[in-house]
Amino acid sequence: MAQLVTEQGDPPIVYPLTEGDNCIGRNDILNDIVIKDPYISRQHAMVKFTNNEYVIHDFNSQSGVFVNGQKVGLKVLKDQDKIKLGNTTLIFYLKNKFKESGEDNPENATDRTAVLKKK
């Protein structure tokens, strides 16, 4: 399964991606991935799995979506692309790069956000 992993923070935060729509934004009701960055819109972008690839789509956000430094509206993601939303940088991994900390113990797992350990 693909992941978005925060570049900032120790440990980083992982956001597992589903094979469908993965909405990203500040609002915890409207989005699958919630990032509390004041420069991210309430509903900022979506990463969608379609035709065997992940595509990021900007929802006309005020601060935009940048992939590897280029502003994009719609872009197919490649392994280890750097995605900047507001002041947050995420790294896209096509395969699981990190093990979720709650994976071995479901009682410790969180809904969509997990603290990670390197495999």
Protein backbone atom coordinates (compact mmCIF):
# COMPACT_ATOMS: atom_id res chain seq x y z
CA MET A 1 0.00 0.00 0.00
CA ALA A 2 1.26 3.51 -0.80
CA GLN A 3 2.00 6.07 1.92
CA LEU A 4 2.49 9.77 2.44
CA VAL A 5 5.12 10.43 5.11
CA THR A 6 5.91 13.78 6.70
CA GLU A 7 9.38 15.09 5.96
CA GLN A 8 9.36 17.17 9.16
CA GLY A 9 9.11 15.67 12.62
CA ASP A 10 10.84 12.95 14.53
CA PRO A 11 9.36 10.45 14.31
CA PRO A 12 7.65 11.19 11.01
CA ILE A 13 3.90 10.69 10.59
CA VAL A 14 2.60 8.20 8.03
CA TYR A 15 -0.66 8.51 6.17
CA PRO A 16 -1.56 5.21 4.49
CA LEU A 17 -3.30 5.69 1.13
CA THR A 18 -6.29 3.63 0.12
CA GLU A 19 -7.00 2.42 -3.40
CA GLY A 20 -9.64 5.08 -3.95
CA ASP A 21 -10.05 8.73 -3.00
CA ASN A 22 -7.82 10.17 -0.25
CA CYS A 23 -8.93 13.74 0.51
CA ILE A 24 -6.37 15.95 2.29
CA GLY A 25 -7.05 19.13 4.24
CA ARG A 26 -7.43 20.86 7.61
CA ASN A 27 -11.05 19.87 8.25
CA ASP A 28 -11.37 16.57 10.11
CA ILE A 29 -14.94 15.96 8.91
CA LEU A 30 -14.35 16.48 5.17
CA ASN A 31 -11.00 14.71 4.79
CA ASP A 32 -9.43 11.29 5.08
CA ILE A 33 -6.02 12.81 5.84
CA VAL A 34 -6.13 15.74 8.26
CA ILE A 35 -3.12 18.06 8.54
CA LYS A 36 -3.37 20.92 11.01
CA ASP A 37 -1.33 23.44 9.02
CA PRO A 38 -2.89 26.93 8.83
CA TYR A 39 -1.66 27.27 5.23
CA ILE A 40 -3.56 24.17 4.11
CA SER A 41 -7.15 24.70 2.96
CA ARG A 42 -10.09 22.99 4.65
CA GLN A 43 -10.25 20.72 1.59
CA HIS A 44 -6.90 21.17 -0.13
CA ALA A 45 -6.23 18.22 -2.44
CA MET A 46 -6.96 14.59 -3.22
CA VAL A 47 -4.72 11.64 -3.98
CA LYS A 48 -6.66 9.13 -6.05
CA PHE A 49 -5.73 5.63 -7.14
CA THR A 50 -6.87 5.24 -10.73
CA ASN A 51 -5.63 3.14 -13.68
CA ASN A 52 -2.97 1.52 -11.46
CA GLU A 53 -1.37 4.81 -10.43
CA TYR A 54 -1.75 7.48 -7.78
CA VAL A 55 -2.68 10.96 -9.00
CA ILE A 56 -2.72 14.16 -6.91
CA HIS A 57 -5.36 16.76 -7.71
CA ASP A 58 -5.40 20.31 -6.30
CA PHE A 59 -8.88 21.46 -5.23
CA ASN A 60 -8.05 25.06 -6.31
CA SER A 61 -6.44 25.64 -2.92
CA GLN A 62 -5.13 29.09 -2.08
CA SER A 63 -1.53 28.02 -1.47
CA GLY A 64 -1.47 25.34 -4.18
CA VAL A 65 0.06 21.89 -4.50
CA PHE A 66 3.72 21.49 -5.41
CA VAL A 67 5.36 18.25 -6.53
CA ASN A 68 9.16 18.34 -6.58
CA GLY A 69 9.04 22.15 -6.54
CA GLN A 70 6.60 22.50 -9.48
CA LYS A 71 3.09 23.85 -8.94
CA VAL A 72 0.56 21.31 -10.25
CA GLY A 73 -3.17 21.01 -10.74
CA LEU A 74 -3.12 17.31 -11.58
CA LYS A 75 -0.05 15.04 -11.51
CA VAL A 76 0.74 11.32 -11.54
CA LEU A 77 2.90 10.58 -8.50
CA LYS A 78 6.16 8.66 -8.69
CA ASP A 79 7.93 6.91 -5.82
CA GLN A 80 9.66 9.41 -3.48
CA ASP A 81 8.04 12.52 -4.99
CA LYS A 82 8.05 15.44 -2.55
CA ILE A 83 4.63 17.05 -2.15
CA LYS A 84 4.32 20.47 -0.54
CA LEU A 85 0.95 21.57 0.83
CA GLY A 86 1.07 24.84 2.77
CA ASN A 87 4.09 24.58 5.08
CA THR A 88 3.95 20.78 5.14
CA THR A 89 6.15 18.54 2.98
CA LEU A 90 5.12 14.93 2.43
CA ILE A 91 7.07 12.21 0.67
CA PHE A 92 5.10 9.78 -1.47
CA TYR A 93 6.16 6.15 -1.20
CA LEU A 94 4.61 3.69 -3.64
CA LYS A 95 5.39 0.77 -1.31
CA ASN A 96 5.31 0.76 2.48
CA LYS A 97 8.52 2.43 3.63
CA PHE A 98 7.63 2.51 7.32
CA LYS A 99 5.95 0.14 9.72
CA GLU A 100 3.09 1.69 11.64
CA SER A 101 3.66 1.56 15.39
CA GLY A 102 0.18 0.18 16.08
CA GLU A 103 0.44 -2.57 13.46
CA ASP A 104 1.39 -5.31 15.93
CA ASN A 105 -1.11 -4.18 18.55
CA PRO A 106 -4.48 -3.01 17.15
CA GLU A 107 -5.38 -1.33 20.47
CA ASN A 108 -2.53 1.15 19.87
CA ALA A 109 -3.49 1.91 16.26
CA THR A 110 -5.00 5.25 15.32
CA ASP A 111 -7.60 5.85 12.63
CA ARG A 112 -5.43 7.30 9.80
CA THR A 113 -2.32 8.67 11.50
CA ALA A 114 0.45 6.60 13.02
CA VAL A 115 3.85 7.08 14.57
CA LEU A 116 6.39 5.12 12.58
CA LYS A 117 9.37 2.86 13.10
CA LYS A 118 11.81 2.10 10.27
CA LYS A 119 11.65 -1.53 9.16
